[in-house]
Amino acid sequence: MAMAERDIVALLKAVLPDADIEMIDLAGDNDHWKAVIVSEQFRGLSRVAQHQLVYRALGDKMGGELHALALETRTP
């Protein structure tokens, strides 16, 4: 089962409300995404910690409804 862009963004915005999020459907199937996320909340965090924050926001959707997600995270 694929996951729609709006649903992914809603989960991310719940944890990162200030984030600027660009979603790129890598395979045209709503199942393989790249997310480019810019948030002040990433400031001072390592790249690993930034990605962990994103994965926590997605919860059990990752690996289920959301099959693959490439991440690019950065601060403004």
N, C-alpha and C. Protein backbone atom coordinates (compact mmCIF):
# COMPACT_ATOMS: atom_id res chain seq x y z
N MET A 1 0.84 -1.18 0.00
CA MET A 1 0.00 0.00 0.00
C MET A 1 0.89 1.24 0.00
N ALA A 2 0.59 2.18 -0.85
CA ALA A 2 1.36 3.42 -0.97
C ALA A 2 0.83 4.49 -0.02
N MET A 3 1.64 5.50 0.18
CA MET A 3 1.26 6.60 1.07
C MET A 3 1.30 7.91 0.31
N ALA A 4 0.23 8.67 0.38
CA ALA A 4 0.11 9.93 -0.35
C ALA A 4 1.01 11.01 0.26
N GLU A 5 1.47 11.88 -0.60
CA GLU A 5 2.34 12.99 -0.19
C GLU A 5 1.72 13.80 0.94
N ARG A 6 0.45 14.13 0.81
CA ARG A 6 -0.20 14.98 1.83
C ARG A 6 -0.21 14.31 3.20
N ASP A 7 -0.31 12.97 3.23
CA ASP A 7 -0.31 12.25 4.50
C ASP A 7 1.08 12.26 5.14
N ILE A 8 2.11 12.12 4.33
CA ILE A 8 3.48 12.18 4.84
C ILE A 8 3.77 13.56 5.40
N VAL A 9 3.41 14.59 4.63
CA VAL A 9 3.65 15.97 5.05
C VAL A 9 2.89 16.27 6.35
N ALA A 10 1.67 15.79 6.48
CA ALA A 10 0.88 16.03 7.69
C ALA A 10 1.57 15.43 8.92
N LEU A 11 2.09 14.22 8.79
CA LEU A 11 2.81 13.60 9.91
C LEU A 11 4.06 14.39 10.27
N LEU A 12 4.80 14.83 9.26
CA LEU A 12 6.02 15.59 9.51
C LEU A 12 5.71 16.95 10.12
N LYS A 13 4.67 17.62 9.63
CA LYS A 13 4.31 18.96 10.15
C LYS A 13 3.82 18.90 11.59
N ALA A 14 3.27 17.75 11.99
CA ALA A 14 2.81 17.61 13.37
C ALA A 14 3.98 17.70 14.35
N VAL A 15 5.16 17.26 13.93
CA VAL A 15 6.35 17.28 14.78
C VAL A 15 7.27 18.46 14.44
N LEU A 16 7.27 18.86 13.17
CA LEU A 16 8.12 19.96 12.69
C LEU A 16 7.25 21.04 12.04
N PRO A 17 6.44 21.75 12.84
CA PRO A 17 5.48 22.69 12.26
C PRO A 17 6.11 23.83 11.46
N ASP A 18 7.37 24.15 11.74
CA ASP A 18 8.03 25.25 11.03
C ASP A 18 8.68 24.79 9.73
N ALA A 19 8.66 23.50 9.46
CA ALA A 19 9.43 22.93 8.36
C ALA A 19 8.92 23.34 6.99
N ASP A 20 9.89 23.54 6.11
CA ASP A 20 9.62 23.67 4.68
C ASP A 20 9.92 22.29 4.12
N ILE A 21 8.91 21.64 3.54
CA ILE A 21 9.05 20.25 3.11
C ILE A 21 8.77 20.15 1.62
N GLU A 22 9.73 19.57 0.91
CA GLU A 22 9.55 19.27 -0.51
C GLU A 22 9.58 17.76 -0.65
N MET A 23 8.51 17.20 -1.22
CA MET A 23 8.43 15.76 -1.44
C MET A 23 8.63 15.47 -2.92
N ILE A 24 9.46 14.48 -3.20
CA ILE A 24 9.74 14.08 -4.58
C ILE A 24 9.41 12.59 -4.69
N ASP A 25 8.46 12.25 -5.57
CA ASP A 25 8.07 10.86 -5.81
C ASP A 25 9.09 10.26 -6.78
N LEU A 26 10.00 9.45 -6.26
CA LEU A 26 11.12 8.97 -7.05
C LEU A 26 10.74 7.96 -8.13
N ALA A 27 9.67 7.20 -7.90
CA ALA A 27 9.31 6.15 -8.85
C ALA A 27 7.93 6.35 -9.47
N GLY A 28 7.24 7.43 -9.09
CA GLY A 28 5.91 7.68 -9.62
C GLY A 28 4.84 6.74 -9.06
N ASP A 29 5.15 6.13 -7.90
CA ASP A 29 4.22 5.15 -7.35
C ASP A 29 3.73 5.47 -5.93
N ASN A 30 4.05 6.66 -5.43
CA ASN A 30 3.72 7.06 -4.05
C ASN A 30 4.27 6.08 -3.02
N ASP A 31 5.32 5.36 -3.38
CA ASP A 31 5.89 4.37 -2.49
C ASP A 31 7.39 4.58 -2.25
N HIS A 32 8.03 5.34 -3.11
CA HIS A 32 9.47 5.62 -2.99
C HIS A 32 9.64 7.14 -3.06
N TRP A 33 9.89 7.74 -1.90
CA TRP A 33 9.92 9.19 -1.78
C TRP A 33 11.30 9.70 -1.40
N LYS A 34 11.54 10.95 -1.76
CA LYS A 34 12.64 11.73 -1.21
C LYS A 34 12.00 12.94 -0.55
N ALA A 35 12.41 13.23 0.66
CA ALA A 35 11.92 14.40 1.38
C ALA A 35 13.10 15.34 1.62
N VAL A 36 12.93 16.58 1.22
CA VAL A 36 13.90 17.64 1.52
C VAL A 36 13.23 18.49 2.59
N ILE A 37 13.79 18.48 3.79
CA ILE A 37 13.15 19.13 4.94
C ILE A 37 14.10 20.16 5.53
N VAL A 38 13.62 21.39 5.60
CA VAL A 38 14.39 22.48 6.19
C VAL A 38 13.64 22.94 7.45
N SER A 39 14.30 22.84 8.60
CA SER A 39 13.64 23.21 9.85
C SER A 39 14.66 23.78 10.84
N GLU A 40 14.25 24.80 11.55
CA GLU A 40 15.07 25.37 12.61
C GLU A 40 15.28 24.35 13.73
N GLN A 41 14.36 23.42 13.88
CA GLN A 41 14.47 22.41 14.94
C GLN A 41 15.65 21.46 14.72
N PHE A 42 16.23 21.45 13.54
CA PHE A 42 17.40 20.63 13.27
C PHE A 42 18.69 21.28 13.75
N ARG A 43 18.63 22.59 14.06
CA ARG A 43 19.85 23.31 14.44
C ARG A 43 20.49 22.66 15.67
N GLY A 44 21.78 22.40 15.58
CA GLY A 44 22.54 21.82 16.68
C GLY A 44 22.47 20.30 16.75
N LEU A 45 21.65 19.70 15.91
CA LEU A 45 21.54 18.24 15.90
C LEU A 45 22.45 17.65 14.83
N SER A 46 22.99 16.49 15.12
CA SER A 46 23.76 15.78 14.09
C SER A 46 22.80 15.32 12.99
N ARG A 47 23.34 14.97 11.86
CA ARG A 47 22.51 14.48 10.75
C ARG A 47 21.72 13.24 11.18
N VAL A 48 22.37 12.36 11.94
CA VAL A 48 21.69 11.15 12.43
C VAL A 48 20.51 11.55 13.32
N ALA A 49 20.72 12.48 14.23
CA ALA A 49 19.64 12.92 15.13
C ALA A 49 18.51 13.59 14.34
N GLN A 50 18.85 14.35 13.30
CA GLN A 50 17.83 14.97 12.45
C GLN A 50 16.96 13.88 11.80
N HIS A 51 17.61 12.87 11.26
CA HIS A 51 16.88 11.80 10.59
C HIS A 51 16.05 10.98 11.58
N GLN A 52 16.58 10.77 12.77
CA GLN A 52 15.82 10.07 13.81
C GLN A 52 14.54 10.83 14.16
N LEU A 53 14.64 12.15 14.22
CA LEU A 53 13.47 12.99 14.50
C LEU A 53 12.41 12.79 13.41
N VAL A 54 12.84 12.75 12.17
CA VAL A 54 11.91 12.55 11.05
C VAL A 54 11.27 11.16 11.15
N TYR A 55 12.07 10.14 11.39
CA TYR A 55 11.54 8.78 11.49
C TYR A 55 10.57 8.62 12.65
N ARG A 56 10.85 9.28 13.77
CA ARG A 56 9.90 9.25 14.90
C ARG A 56 8.57 9.87 14.49
N ALA A 57 8.64 10.95 13.72
CA ALA A 57 7.40 11.61 13.27
C ALA A 57 6.56 10.68 12.40
N LEU A 58 7.22 9.83 11.63
CA LEU A 58 6.51 8.92 10.73
C LEU A 58 6.02 7.66 11.43
N GLY A 59 6.58 7.37 12.58
CA GLY A 59 6.13 6.25 13.39
C GLY A 59 6.13 4.93 12.63
N ASP A 60 5.06 4.17 12.80
CA ASP A 60 4.98 2.84 12.21
C ASP A 60 4.64 2.86 10.71
N LYS A 61 4.45 4.04 10.15
CA LYS A 61 4.20 4.14 8.70
C LYS A 61 5.43 3.74 7.90
N MET A 62 6.62 4.03 8.47
CA MET A 62 7.87 3.70 7.79
C MET A 62 8.03 2.19 7.75
N GLY A 63 8.26 1.68 6.56
CA GLY A 63 8.40 0.24 6.39
C GLY A 63 7.08 -0.48 6.19
N GLY A 64 5.99 0.26 6.36
CA GLY A 64 4.66 -0.29 6.12
C GLY A 64 4.06 0.42 4.92
N GLU A 65 3.19 1.39 5.19
CA GLU A 65 2.59 2.18 4.11
C GLU A 65 3.63 2.95 3.32
N LEU A 66 4.65 3.39 4.01
CA LEU A 66 5.73 4.15 3.38
C LEU A 66 6.93 3.22 3.24
N HIS A 67 7.14 2.76 2.02
CA HIS A 67 8.14 1.72 1.77
C HIS A 67 9.57 2.26 1.82
N ALA A 68 9.82 3.40 1.17
CA ALA A 68 11.19 3.91 1.08
C ALA A 68 11.17 5.44 1.14
N LEU A 69 12.11 5.99 1.91
CA LEU A 69 12.20 7.44 2.05
C LEU A 69 13.66 7.86 2.12
N ALA A 70 14.10 8.60 1.13
CA ALA A 70 15.42 9.21 1.15
C ALA A 70 15.27 10.57 1.82
N LEU A 71 16.19 10.93 2.69
CA LEU A 71 16.08 12.18 3.44
C LEU A 71 17.23 13.14 3.13
N GLU A 72 16.86 14.40 3.00
CA GLU A 72 17.83 15.49 3.00
C GLU A 72 17.32 16.48 4.01
N THR A 73 18.04 16.66 5.09
CA THR A 73 17.61 17.56 6.15
C THR A 73 18.65 18.67 6.32
N ARG A 74 18.15 19.86 6.67
CA ARG A 74 19.07 20.98 6.89
C ARG A 74 18.34 22.09 7.66
N THR A 75 19.13 23.03 8.15
CA THR A 75 18.59 24.19 8.84
C THR A 75 18.45 25.34 7.84
N PRO A 76 17.59 26.30 8.18
CA PRO A 76 17.41 27.46 7.28
C PRO A 76 18.70 28.27 7.16
